[in-house]
Amino acid sequence: MNNGQSHELRSLPTEQILPTAHDLDRMSALEIVRLMNQEDATVATVVERALREVARAVDVVADALRRGGRLIYVGAGTSGRLGALDASEIPPTFNIDPRRVQFIMAGGPEALGNSTEASEDDPVPAIAEMKKRKPGKNDVVIGIASSGRTPFTIAAVDYAGRRGAGTIALTCNRNSPLERVADFAIVTEVGPEVLAGSSRMKAGTAHKMVLNMISTGAMARLGYVYGNLMVNVWTKNEKLTNRAVRILERATGAGQESATRALKASGNRTPVAVVMLAAGVTRAQAVAALKKSRGHVRNAIRTAKQQ
């Protein structure tokens, strides 16, 4: 990092010193957690200020996935790990192909559990990793960097954008290089951290909240939920099977026995069972309706009823 870049980083709001935390190492345990809790309480308000941009991201991601494209997260350090976490949670929660939601992490997958922070300064592997994925007009790439100045993330987002992919920056500082290479930015200005410069704290919390909103909101827009029920849940174990039965009961008003029978008759595919029960149709008709609606459960019920 040259002197100019170092000076620029020092001036960022997220790199400043929080006055109330000066004596952190001399505080009692209760004083430490109370201060952290007070600072954490400001995060939701900060995220609220960015809701219009978050909503725009929801629609962009939903449109990309609807066209058969992919959502790709890119980041380094804490930011990369948060992207990887969201990418890993979407497939089991919404039962979609893991290839549809991916992550690129500076330092590779081993960086999820080991410190490879030096890799975030190298744009070459970022471009190489993005090239492997051949981003295009149906894809959307979200670059996550609290500072907005991570060379790895900037390079990956810039490459994807030049190949026609939609690009979104998620940062905690305005007017950053990452924001400038992206189509638009979601900026959560959390300010100084209790532990100076530790982006795993307020910055990480803000970004986790935003990523939850984007992925869950996009899945809701795609109809992979019914009401607020997780109807695409996998039935891979006893707990999830029981959850699916309860979801069927709530979604359709069926009793436990009817819901259990429908789930079994559907081949343990919860969305199929929902359509079967709600529309009063066979498994084959429910499958056809879901295919026609591209997995949108509510639309599939409407289609099945019209058959």
C-alpha atoms as a PDB file:
ATOM      1  CA  MET A   1       0.000   0.000   0.000  1.00  0.00           C
ATOM      2  CA  ASN A   2       1.490   3.361  -0.984  1.00  0.00           C
ATOM      3  CA  ASN A   3       1.456   6.426   1.277  1.00  0.00           C
ATOM      4  CA  GLY A   4      -1.522   7.947  -0.534  1.00  0.00           C
ATOM      5  CA  GLN A   5      -3.616   4.824  -0.096  1.00  0.00           C
ATOM      6  CA  SER A   6      -2.541   4.530   3.541  1.00  0.00           C
ATOM      7  CA  HIS A   7      -3.575   8.125   4.240  1.00  0.00           C
ATOM      8  CA  GLU A   8      -6.904   7.584   2.481  1.00  0.00           C
ATOM      9  CA  LEU A   9      -7.607   4.470   4.572  1.00  0.00           C
ATOM     10  CA  ARG A  10      -6.761   6.299   7.804  1.00  0.00           C
ATOM     11  CA  SER A  11      -9.351   8.956   6.970  1.00  0.00           C
ATOM     12  CA  LEU A  12     -12.262   6.514   6.579  1.00  0.00           C
ATOM     13  CA  PRO A  13     -15.042   6.776   9.192  1.00  0.00           C
ATOM     14  CA  THR A  14     -14.764   3.046   9.918  1.00  0.00           C
ATOM     15  CA  GLU A  15     -11.069   3.461  10.779  1.00  0.00           C
ATOM     16  CA  GLN A  16     -11.570   6.201  13.359  1.00  0.00           C
ATOM     17  CA  ILE A  17     -11.317   5.748  17.132  1.00  0.00           C
ATOM     18  CA  LEU A  18     -14.551   5.520  19.114  1.00  0.00           C
ATOM     19  CA  PRO A  19     -14.072   7.928  22.065  1.00  0.00           C
ATOM     20  CA  THR A  20     -16.211   5.918  24.460  1.00  0.00           C
ATOM     21  CA  ALA A  21     -14.029   2.845  23.877  1.00  0.00           C
ATOM     22  CA  HIS A  22     -10.650   4.391  24.732  1.00  0.00           C
ATOM     23  CA  ASP A  23     -10.354   2.388  27.952  1.00  0.00           C
ATOM     24  CA  LEU A  24     -11.716  -0.887  26.586  1.00  0.00           C
ATOM     25  CA  ASP A  25      -8.895  -2.927  28.107  1.00  0.00           C
ATOM     26  CA  ARG A  26      -9.596  -1.472  31.564  1.00  0.00           C
ATOM     27  CA  MET A  27     -13.351  -2.014  31.528  1.00  0.00           C
ATOM     28  CA  SER A  28     -15.219  -4.718  33.396  1.00  0.00           C
ATOM     29  CA  ALA A  29     -16.917  -7.454  31.404  1.00  0.00           C
ATOM     30  CA  LEU A  30     -20.299  -5.800  31.929  1.00  0.00           C
ATOM     31  CA  GLU A  31     -18.985  -2.404  30.820  1.00  0.00           C
ATOM     32  CA  ILE A  32     -17.508  -3.962  27.652  1.00  0.00           C
ATOM     33  CA  VAL A  33     -20.658  -5.783  26.606  1.00  0.00           C
ATOM     34  CA  ARG A  34     -22.872  -2.822  27.511  1.00  0.00           C
ATOM     35  CA  LEU A  35     -20.772  -0.549  25.265  1.00  0.00           C
ATOM     36  CA  MET A  36     -20.850  -3.101  22.450  1.00  0.00           C
ATOM     37  CA  ASN A  37     -24.603  -3.473  22.825  1.00  0.00           C
ATOM     38  CA  GLN A  38     -25.084   0.294  22.690  1.00  0.00           C
ATOM     39  CA  GLU A  39     -23.079   0.497  19.468  1.00  0.00           C
ATOM     40  CA  ASP A  40     -24.819  -2.532  17.947  1.00  0.00           C
ATOM     41  CA  ALA A  41     -28.173  -0.864  18.625  1.00  0.00           C
ATOM     42  CA  THR A  42     -27.271   1.804  16.052  1.00  0.00           C
ATOM     43  CA  VAL A  43     -26.804  -0.692  13.206  1.00  0.00           C
ATOM     44  CA  ALA A  44     -30.466  -1.252  12.356  1.00  0.00           C
ATOM     45  CA  THR A  45     -30.971   2.522  11.975  1.00  0.00           C
ATOM     46  CA  VAL A  46     -27.954   2.733   9.670  1.00  0.00           C
ATOM     47  CA  VAL A  47     -29.297  -0.122   7.538  1.00  0.00           C
ATOM     48  CA  GLU A  48     -32.723   1.539   7.447  1.00  0.00           C
ATOM     49  CA  ARG A  49     -31.179   4.531   5.667  1.00  0.00           C
ATOM     50  CA  ALA A  50     -30.066   2.225   2.850  1.00  0.00           C
ATOM     51  CA  LEU A  51     -33.341   0.332   2.382  1.00  0.00           C
ATOM     52  CA  ARG A  52     -34.127   1.786  -1.053  1.00  0.00           C
ATOM     53  CA  GLU A  53     -30.817   0.480  -2.387  1.00  0.00           C
ATOM     54  CA  VAL A  54     -31.312  -2.861  -0.612  1.00  0.00           C
ATOM     55  CA  ALA A  55     -34.753  -3.188  -2.221  1.00  0.00           C
ATOM     56  CA  ARG A  56     -33.220  -2.415  -5.602  1.00  0.00           C
ATOM     57  CA  ALA A  57     -30.702  -5.198  -4.995  1.00  0.00           C
ATOM     58  CA  VAL A  58     -33.520  -7.613  -4.119  1.00  0.00           C
ATOM     59  CA  ASP A  59     -35.179  -6.978  -7.472  1.00  0.00           C
ATOM     60  CA  VAL A  60     -31.894  -7.169  -9.393  1.00  0.00           C
ATOM     61  CA  VAL A  61     -31.026 -10.524  -7.810  1.00  0.00           C
ATOM     62  CA  ALA A  62     -34.536 -11.916  -8.288  1.00  0.00           C
ATOM     63  CA  ASP A  63     -34.532 -10.886 -11.949  1.00  0.00           C
ATOM     64  CA  ALA A  64     -31.140 -12.519 -12.509  1.00  0.00           C
ATOM     65  CA  LEU A  65     -32.192 -15.789 -10.909  1.00  0.00           C
ATOM     66  CA  ARG A  66     -35.511 -15.726 -12.770  1.00  0.00           C
ATOM     67  CA  ARG A  67     -33.557 -15.573 -16.035  1.00  0.00           C
ATOM     68  CA  GLY A  68     -31.526 -18.608 -15.017  1.00  0.00           C
ATOM     69  CA  GLY A  69     -28.535 -16.549 -13.907  1.00  0.00           C
ATOM     70  CA  ARG A  70     -26.432 -16.665 -10.780  1.00  0.00           C
ATOM     71  CA  LEU A  71     -25.793 -14.610  -7.672  1.00  0.00           C
ATOM     72  CA  ILE A  72     -22.058 -14.424  -6.944  1.00  0.00           C
ATOM     73  CA  TYR A  73     -20.658 -12.881  -3.760  1.00  0.00           C
ATOM     74  CA  VAL A  74     -17.074 -11.606  -3.691  1.00  0.00           C
ATOM     75  CA  GLY A  75     -15.045 -10.514  -0.709  1.00  0.00           C
ATOM     76  CA  ALA A  76     -11.966 -10.847   1.466  1.00  0.00           C
ATOM     77  CA  GLY A  77     -11.560 -11.453   5.176  1.00  0.00           C
ATOM     78  CA  THR A  78     -14.725 -10.923   7.198  1.00  0.00           C
ATOM     79  CA  SER A  79     -16.582  -9.602   4.164  1.00  0.00           C
ATOM     80  CA  GLY A  80     -15.745 -12.697   2.134  1.00  0.00           C
ATOM     81  CA  ARG A  81     -16.746 -15.008   4.958  1.00  0.00           C
ATOM     82  CA  LEU A  82     -20.126 -13.284   5.277  1.00  0.00           C
ATOM     83  CA  GLY A  83     -20.714 -13.750   1.556  1.00  0.00           C
ATOM     84  CA  ALA A  84     -19.703 -17.394   1.804  1.00  0.00           C
ATOM     85  CA  LEU A  85     -22.057 -17.884   4.748  1.00  0.00           C
ATOM     86  CA  ASP A  86     -25.042 -16.477   2.878  1.00  0.00           C
ATOM     87  CA  ALA A  87     -24.183 -18.459  -0.248  1.00  0.00           C
ATOM     88  CA  SER A  88     -23.984 -21.673   1.766  1.00  0.00           C
ATOM     89  CA  GLU A  89     -27.279 -21.081   3.569  1.00  0.00           C
ATOM     90  CA  ILE A  90     -29.477 -20.264   0.564  1.00  0.00           C
ATOM     91  CA  PRO A  91     -29.537 -23.745  -1.075  1.00  0.00           C
ATOM     92  CA  PRO A  92     -30.712 -25.689   2.016  1.00  0.00           C
ATOM     93  CA  THR A  93     -33.157 -22.955   3.045  1.00  0.00           C
ATOM     94  CA  PHE A  94     -34.788 -22.540  -0.360  1.00  0.00           C
ATOM     95  CA  ASN A  95     -33.859 -25.843  -2.032  1.00  0.00           C
ATOM     96  CA  ILE A  96     -32.139 -24.306  -5.033  1.00  0.00           C
ATOM     97  CA  ASP A  97     -29.132 -25.553  -6.966  1.00  0.00           C
ATOM     98  CA  PRO A  98     -25.904 -24.500  -5.160  1.00  0.00           C
ATOM     99  CA  ARG A  99     -24.494 -23.474  -8.540  1.00  0.00           C
ATOM    100  CA  ARG A 100     -27.063 -20.656  -8.628  1.00  0.00           C
ATOM    101  CA  VAL A 101     -25.536 -18.913  -5.599  1.00  0.00           C
ATOM    102  CA  GLN A 102     -21.741 -18.869  -5.334  1.00  0.00           C
ATOM    103  CA  PHE A 103     -18.941 -17.061  -3.542  1.00  0.00           C
ATOM    104  CA  ILE A 104     -15.416 -16.016  -4.415  1.00  0.00           C
ATOM    105  CA  MET A 105     -13.128 -15.568  -1.434  1.00  0.00           C
ATOM    106  CA  ALA A 106      -9.694 -13.977  -1.399  1.00  0.00           C
ATOM    107  CA  GLY A 107      -7.306 -16.785  -0.502  1.00  0.00           C
ATOM    108  CA  GLY A 108      -9.767 -19.453  -1.623  1.00  0.00           C
ATOM    109  CA  PRO A 109     -11.979 -21.678   0.556  1.00  0.00           C
ATOM    110  CA  GLU A 110      -9.153 -22.267   3.045  1.00  0.00           C
ATOM    111  CA  ALA A 111      -9.434 -18.573   3.969  1.00  0.00           C
ATOM    112  CA  LEU A 112     -12.777 -19.337   5.606  1.00  0.00           C
ATOM    113  CA  GLY A 113     -10.921 -20.855   8.551  1.00  0.00           C
ATOM    114  CA  ASN A 114      -7.417 -19.442   8.197  1.00  0.00           C
ATOM    115  CA  SER A 115      -5.922 -15.982   7.988  1.00  0.00           C
ATOM    116  CA  THR A 116      -4.934 -15.191   4.402  1.00  0.00           C
ATOM    117  CA  GLU A 117      -5.624 -11.456   4.563  1.00  0.00           C
ATOM    118  CA  ALA A 118      -2.538 -10.622   2.448  1.00  0.00           C
ATOM    119  CA  SER A 119      -4.351 -12.149  -0.526  1.00  0.00           C
ATOM    120  CA  GLU A 120      -6.882  -9.312  -0.530  1.00  0.00           C
ATOM    121  CA  ASP A 121      -4.319  -6.938  -2.049  1.00  0.00           C
ATOM    122  CA  ASP A 122      -3.811  -9.063  -5.179  1.00  0.00           C
ATOM    123  CA  PRO A 123      -6.274  -8.456  -8.050  1.00  0.00           C
ATOM    124  CA  VAL A 124      -4.803 -11.185 -10.298  1.00  0.00           C
ATOM    125  CA  PRO A 125      -6.392 -14.223  -8.575  1.00  0.00           C
ATOM    126  CA  ALA A 126      -9.675 -12.306  -8.290  1.00  0.00           C
ATOM    127  CA  ILE A 127      -9.861 -11.904 -12.048  1.00  0.00           C
ATOM    128  CA  ALA A 128      -8.767 -15.525 -12.547  1.00  0.00           C
ATOM    129  CA  GLU A 129     -11.524 -16.802 -10.244  1.00  0.00           C
ATOM    130  CA  MET A 130     -14.136 -14.641 -11.926  1.00  0.00           C
ATOM    131  CA  LYS A 131     -12.983 -15.745 -15.385  1.00  0.00           C
ATOM    132  CA  LYS A 132     -13.629 -19.361 -14.381  1.00  0.00           C
ATOM    133  CA  ARG A 133     -17.265 -18.482 -13.745  1.00  0.00           C
ATOM    134  CA  LYS A 134     -17.740 -16.689 -17.090  1.00  0.00           C
ATOM    135  CA  PRO A 135     -20.060 -13.961 -15.798  1.00  0.00           C
ATOM    136  CA  GLY A 136     -22.618 -12.582 -18.207  1.00  0.00           C
ATOM    137  CA  LYS A 137     -25.766 -10.529 -18.583  1.00  0.00           C
ATOM    138  CA  ASN A 138     -27.926 -12.964 -16.584  1.00  0.00           C
ATOM    139  CA  ASP A 139     -25.668 -12.884 -13.529  1.00  0.00           C
ATOM    140  CA  VAL A 140     -25.327 -10.452 -10.642  1.00  0.00           C
ATOM    141  CA  VAL A 141     -22.169  -9.989  -8.585  1.00  0.00           C
ATOM    142  CA  ILE A 142     -22.170  -8.429  -5.117  1.00  0.00           C
ATOM    143  CA  GLY A 143     -18.799  -7.152  -3.931  1.00  0.00           C
ATOM    144  CA  ILE A 144     -18.555  -6.842  -0.152  1.00  0.00           C
ATOM    145  CA  ALA A 145     -15.870  -4.658   1.443  1.00  0.00           C
ATOM    146  CA  SER A 146     -16.321  -2.514   4.534  1.00  0.00           C
ATOM    147  CA  SER A 147     -13.664  -0.059   3.400  1.00  0.00           C
ATOM    148  CA  GLY A 148     -14.729  -0.232  -0.248  1.00  0.00           C
ATOM    149  CA  ARG A 149     -11.041  -0.294  -1.132  1.00  0.00           C
ATOM    150  CA  THR A 150     -10.115  -3.988  -1.275  1.00  0.00           C
ATOM    151  CA  PRO A 151      -8.171  -4.581  -4.533  1.00  0.00           C
ATOM    152  CA  PHE A 152      -9.282  -8.231  -4.802  1.00  0.00           C
ATOM    153  CA  THR A 153     -12.970  -7.350  -4.594  1.00  0.00           C
ATOM    154  CA  ILE A 154     -12.726  -4.292  -6.829  1.00  0.00           C
ATOM    155  CA  ALA A 155     -10.971  -6.288  -9.559  1.00  0.00           C
ATOM    156  CA  ALA A 156     -13.525  -9.112  -9.474  1.00  0.00           C
ATOM    157  CA  VAL A 157     -16.514  -6.756  -9.595  1.00  0.00           C
ATOM    158  CA  ASP A 158     -14.952  -4.635 -12.327  1.00  0.00           C
ATOM    159  CA  TYR A 159     -14.222  -7.716 -14.468  1.00  0.00           C
ATOM    160  CA  ALA A 160     -17.772  -9.051 -14.037  1.00  0.00           C
ATOM    161  CA  GLY A 161     -19.291  -5.691 -14.914  1.00  0.00           C
ATOM    162  CA  ARG A 162     -17.238  -5.402 -18.084  1.00  0.00           C
ATOM    163  CA  ARG A 163     -18.554  -8.825 -19.108  1.00  0.00           C
ATOM    164  CA  GLY A 164     -22.152  -7.622 -18.777  1.00  0.00           C
ATOM    165  CA  ALA A 165     -23.056  -8.891 -15.299  1.00  0.00           C
ATOM    166  CA  GLY A 166     -25.043  -6.709 -12.931  1.00  0.00           C
ATOM    167  CA  THR A 167     -22.819  -5.447 -10.118  1.00  0.00           C
ATOM    168  CA  ILE A 168     -23.556  -4.177  -6.613  1.00  0.00           C
ATOM    169  CA  ALA A 169     -21.161  -2.779  -4.011  1.00  0.00           C
ATOM    170  CA  LEU A 170     -21.811  -3.356  -0.309  1.00  0.00           C
ATOM    171  CA  THR A 171     -19.621  -1.059   1.789  1.00  0.00           C
ATOM    172  CA  CYS A 172     -19.548   1.058   4.941  1.00  0.00           C
ATOM    173  CA  ASN A 173     -17.878   4.114   3.381  1.00  0.00           C
ATOM    174  CA  ARG A 174     -19.198   6.412   0.664  1.00  0.00           C
ATOM    175  CA  ASN A 175     -17.520   7.276  -2.636  1.00  0.00           C
ATOM    176  CA  SER A 176     -15.200   4.285  -2.553  1.00  0.00           C
ATOM    177  CA  PRO A 177     -13.392   2.692  -5.508  1.00  0.00           C
ATOM    178  CA  LEU A 178     -15.684  -0.333  -5.179  1.00  0.00           C
ATOM    179  CA  GLU A 179     -18.759   1.867  -5.421  1.00  0.00           C
ATOM    180  CA  ARG A 180     -17.346   3.498  -8.551  1.00  0.00           C
ATOM    181  CA  VAL A 181     -16.893   0.222 -10.454  1.00  0.00           C
ATOM    182  CA  ALA A 182     -20.324  -1.157  -9.501  1.00  0.00           C
ATOM    183  CA  ASP A 183     -23.715  -0.364 -11.034  1.00  0.00           C
ATOM    184  CA  PHE A 184     -24.839   0.947  -7.659  1.00  0.00           C
ATOM    185  CA  ALA A 185     -23.897   0.725  -3.995  1.00  0.00           C
ATOM    186  CA  ILE A 186     -25.481  -0.123  -0.673  1.00  0.00           C
ATOM    187  CA  VAL A 187     -23.625   1.924   1.931  1.00  0.00           C
ATOM    188  CA  THR A 188     -24.122   1.246   5.637  1.00  0.00           C
ATOM    189  CA  GLU A 189     -22.240   4.008   7.432  1.00  0.00           C
ATOM    190  CA  VAL A 190     -21.666   2.418  10.836  1.00  0.00           C
ATOM    191  CA  GLY A 191     -18.740   4.672  11.803  1.00  0.00           C
ATOM    192  CA  PRO A 192     -15.952   3.744  14.247  1.00  0.00           C
ATOM    193  CA  GLU A 193     -15.908   0.310  15.866  1.00  0.00           C
ATOM    194  CA  VAL A 194     -15.645  -0.494  19.580  1.00  0.00           C
ATOM    195  CA  LEU A 195     -12.492  -2.384  18.627  1.00  0.00           C
ATOM    196  CA  ALA A 196     -10.918   0.086  16.214  1.00  0.00           C
ATOM    197  CA  GLY A 197     -10.887  -1.140  12.628  1.00  0.00           C
ATOM    198  CA  SER A 198     -12.431  -4.539  13.366  1.00  0.00           C
ATOM    199  CA  SER A 199     -14.907  -4.973  10.526  1.00  0.00           C
ATOM    200  CA  ARG A 200     -16.294  -8.151  12.112  1.00  0.00           C
ATOM    201  CA  MET A 201     -18.244  -5.949  14.534  1.00  0.00           C
ATOM    202  CA  LYS A 202     -20.757  -3.258  13.486  1.00  0.00           C
ATOM    203  CA  ALA A 203     -19.702  -3.389   9.843  1.00  0.00           C
ATOM    204  CA  GLY A 204     -20.070  -7.164   9.781  1.00  0.00           C
ATOM    205  CA  THR A 205     -23.415  -7.004  11.557  1.00  0.00           C
ATOM    206  CA  ALA A 206     -24.726  -4.434   9.073  1.00  0.00           C
ATOM    207  CA  HIS A 207     -23.586  -6.486   6.111  1.00  0.00           C
ATOM    208  CA  LYS A 208     -25.059  -9.691   7.522  1.00  0.00           C
ATOM    209  CA  MET A 209     -28.391  -7.899   7.936  1.00  0.00           C
ATOM    210  CA  VAL A 210     -28.277  -6.597   4.365  1.00  0.00           C
ATOM    211  CA  LEU A 211     -27.303  -9.970   2.882  1.00  0.00           C
ATOM    212  CA  ASN A 212     -30.156 -11.633   4.782  1.00  0.00           C
ATOM    213  CA  MET A 213     -32.537  -9.073   3.301  1.00  0.00           C
ATOM    214  CA  ILE A 214     -31.241  -9.442  -0.245  1.00  0.00           C
ATOM    215  CA  SER A 215     -31.264 -13.237  -0.424  1.00  0.00           C
ATOM    216  CA  THR A 216     -34.489 -13.779   1.528  1.00  0.00           C
ATOM    217  CA  GLY A 217     -36.216 -10.914  -0.260  1.00  0.00           C
ATOM    218  CA  ALA A 218     -35.194 -12.256  -3.668  1.00  0.00           C
ATOM    219  CA  MET A 219     -36.451 -15.741  -2.809  1.00  0.00           C
ATOM    220  CA  ALA A 220     -39.758 -14.270  -1.659  1.00  0.00           C
ATOM    221  CA  ARG A 221     -40.073 -12.312  -4.920  1.00  0.00           C
ATOM    222  CA  LEU A 222     -39.437 -15.542  -6.827  1.00  0.00           C
ATOM    223  CA  GLY A 223     -42.247 -17.254  -4.916  1.00  0.00           C
ATOM    224  CA  TYR A 224     -39.971 -19.774  -3.223  1.00  0.00           C
ATOM    225  CA  VAL A 225     -41.903 -19.013  -0.029  1.00  0.00           C
ATOM    226  CA  TYR A 226     -45.656 -19.113   0.554  1.00  0.00           C
ATOM    227  CA  GLY A 227     -46.855 -16.325   2.777  1.00  0.00           C
ATOM    228  CA  ASN A 228     -43.939 -16.223   5.177  1.00  0.00           C
ATOM    229  CA  LEU A 229     -43.547 -20.005   5.252  1.00  0.00           C
ATOM    230  CA  MET A 230     -40.334 -21.749   4.195  1.00  0.00           C
ATOM    231  CA  VAL A 231     -42.146 -24.088   1.810  1.00  0.00           C
ATOM    232  CA  ASN A 232     -39.045 -25.046  -0.167  1.00  0.00           C
ATOM    233  CA  VAL A 233     -37.469 -26.642   2.887  1.00  0.00           C
ATOM    234  CA  TRP A 234     -35.475 -29.810   2.269  1.00  0.00           C
ATOM    235  CA  THR A 235     -36.719 -32.926   4.046  1.00  0.00           C
ATOM    236  CA  LYS A 236     -33.286 -34.441   4.614  1.00  0.00           C
ATOM    237  CA  ASN A 237     -33.761 -35.515   8.236  1.00  0.00           C
ATOM    238  CA  GLU A 238     -36.455 -36.073  10.850  1.00  0.00           C
ATOM    239  CA  LYS A 239     -36.381 -32.499  12.122  1.00  0.00           C
ATOM    240  CA  LEU A 240     -36.866 -31.055   8.640  1.00  0.00           C
ATOM    241  CA  THR A 241     -39.571 -33.582   7.778  1.00  0.00           C
ATOM    242  CA  ASN A 242     -41.497 -32.591  10.911  1.00  0.00           C
ATOM    243  CA  ARG A 243     -41.000 -28.942  10.003  1.00  0.00           C
ATOM    244  CA  ALA A 244     -42.343 -29.593   6.503  1.00  0.00           C
ATOM    245  CA  VAL A 245     -45.464 -31.217   7.932  1.00  0.00           C
ATOM    246  CA  ARG A 246     -46.069 -28.211  10.200  1.00  0.00           C
ATOM    247  CA  ILE A 247     -45.567 -25.860   7.249  1.00  0.00           C
ATOM    248  CA  LEU A 248     -48.116 -27.834   5.225  1.00  0.00           C
ATOM    249  CA  GLU A 249     -50.605 -27.621   8.071  1.00  0.00           C
ATOM    250  CA  ARG A 250     -50.189 -23.852   8.344  1.00  0.00           C
ATOM    251  CA  ALA A 251     -50.112 -23.211   4.598  1.00  0.00           C
ATOM    252  CA  THR A 252     -53.182 -25.268   3.704  1.00  0.00           C
ATOM    253  CA  GLY A 253     -55.189 -25.806   6.883  1.00  0.00           C
ATOM    254  CA  ALA A 254     -54.746 -29.575   6.553  1.00  0.00           C
ATOM    255  CA  GLY A 255     -54.550 -31.763   9.646  1.00  0.00           C
ATOM    256  CA  GLN A 256     -51.318 -33.468  10.643  1.00  0.00           C
ATOM    257  CA  GLU A 257     -52.285 -36.830   9.130  1.00  0.00           C
ATOM    258  CA  SER A 258     -53.380 -35.305   5.813  1.00  0.00           C
ATOM    259  CA  ALA A 259     -50.229 -33.202   5.665  1.00  0.00           C
ATOM    260  CA  THR A 260     -48.039 -36.226   6.368  1.00  0.00           C
ATOM    261  CA  ARG A 261     -49.767 -38.268   3.663  1.00  0.00           C
ATOM    262  CA  ALA A 262     -49.494 -35.451   1.137  1.00  0.00           C
ATOM    263  CA  LEU A 263     -45.792 -34.997   1.861  1.00  0.00           C
ATOM    264  CA  LYS A 264     -45.176 -38.698   1.315  1.00  0.00           C
ATOM    265  CA  ALA A 265     -47.283 -38.713  -1.855  1.00  0.00           C
ATOM    266  CA  SER A 266     -45.336 -35.731  -3.192  1.00  0.00           C
ATOM    267  CA  GLY A 267     -42.064 -37.616  -2.973  1.00  0.00           C
ATOM    268  CA  ASN A 268     -41.135 -35.567   0.106  1.00  0.00           C
ATOM    269  CA  ARG A 269     -41.115 -32.354  -1.942  1.00  0.00           C
ATOM    270  CA  THR A 270     -42.772 -29.731   0.207  1.00  0.00           C
ATOM    271  CA  PRO A 271     -43.739 -27.264  -2.577  1.00  0.00           C
ATOM    272  CA  VAL A 272     -45.394 -30.097  -4.518  1.00  0.00           C
ATOM    273  CA  ALA A 273     -47.320 -31.119  -1.406  1.00  0.00           C
ATOM    274  CA  VAL A 274     -48.442 -27.518  -0.803  1.00  0.00           C
ATOM    275  CA  VAL A 275     -49.853 -27.259  -4.324  1.00  0.00           C
ATOM    276  CA  MET A 276     -51.485 -30.706  -4.072  1.00  0.00           C
ATOM    277  CA  LEU A 277     -53.294 -29.793  -0.855  1.00  0.00           C
ATOM    278  CA  ALA A 278     -54.096 -26.155  -1.632  1.00  0.00           C
ATOM    279  CA  ALA A 279     -55.402 -26.828  -5.164  1.00  0.00           C
ATOM    280  CA  GLY A 280     -56.746 -30.342  -4.609  1.00  0.00           C
ATOM    281  CA  VAL A 281     -54.714 -31.831  -7.472  1.00  0.00           C
ATOM    282  CA  THR A 282     -52.522 -34.856  -8.089  1.00  0.00           C
ATOM    283  CA  ARG A 283     -48.776 -34.963  -7.742  1.00  0.00           C
ATOM    284  CA  ALA A 284     -48.304 -34.848 -11.511  1.00  0.00           C
ATOM    285  CA  GLN A 285     -50.571 -31.815 -11.830  1.00  0.00           C
ATOM    286  CA  ALA A 286     -48.776 -30.047  -8.988  1.00  0.00           C
ATOM    287  CA  VAL A 287     -45.376 -30.727 -10.552  1.00  0.00           C
ATOM    288  CA  ALA A 288     -46.596 -29.411 -13.912  1.00  0.00           C
ATOM    289  CA  ALA A 289     -48.004 -26.266 -12.319  1.00  0.00           C
ATOM    290  CA  LEU A 290     -44.756 -25.590 -10.469  1.00  0.00           C
ATOM    291  CA  LYS A 291     -42.766 -26.073 -13.644  1.00  0.00           C
ATOM    292  CA  LYS A 292     -45.021 -23.652 -15.509  1.00  0.00           C
ATOM    293  CA  SER A 293     -44.696 -21.054 -12.742  1.00  0.00           C
ATOM    294  CA  ARG A 294     -40.893 -21.515 -12.483  1.00  0.00           C
ATOM    295  CA  GLY A 295     -41.224 -22.641  -8.907  1.00  0.00           C
ATOM    296  CA  HIS A 296     -43.458 -19.775  -7.772  1.00  0.00           C
ATOM    297  CA  VAL A 297     -45.662 -21.612  -5.281  1.00  0.00           C
ATOM    298  CA  ARG A 298     -48.582 -19.168  -5.084  1.00  0.00           C
ATOM    299  CA  ASN A 299     -48.758 -18.868  -8.873  1.00  0.00           C
ATOM    300  CA  ALA A 300     -48.547 -22.656  -9.168  1.00  0.00           C
ATOM    301  CA  ILE A 301     -51.563 -23.048  -6.884  1.00  0.00           C
ATOM    302  CA  ARG A 302     -53.509 -20.609  -9.038  1.00  0.00           C
ATOM    303  CA  THR A 303     -52.474 -22.454 -12.221  1.00  0.00           C
ATOM    304  CA  ALA A 304     -53.345 -25.857 -10.753  1.00  0.00           C
ATOM    305  CA  LYS A 305     -56.811 -24.689  -9.735  1.00  0.00           C
ATOM    306  CA  GLN A 306     -57.487 -23.594 -13.296  1.00  0.00           C
ATOM    307  CA  GLN A 307     -56.600 -26.975 -14.791  1.00  0.00           C
END
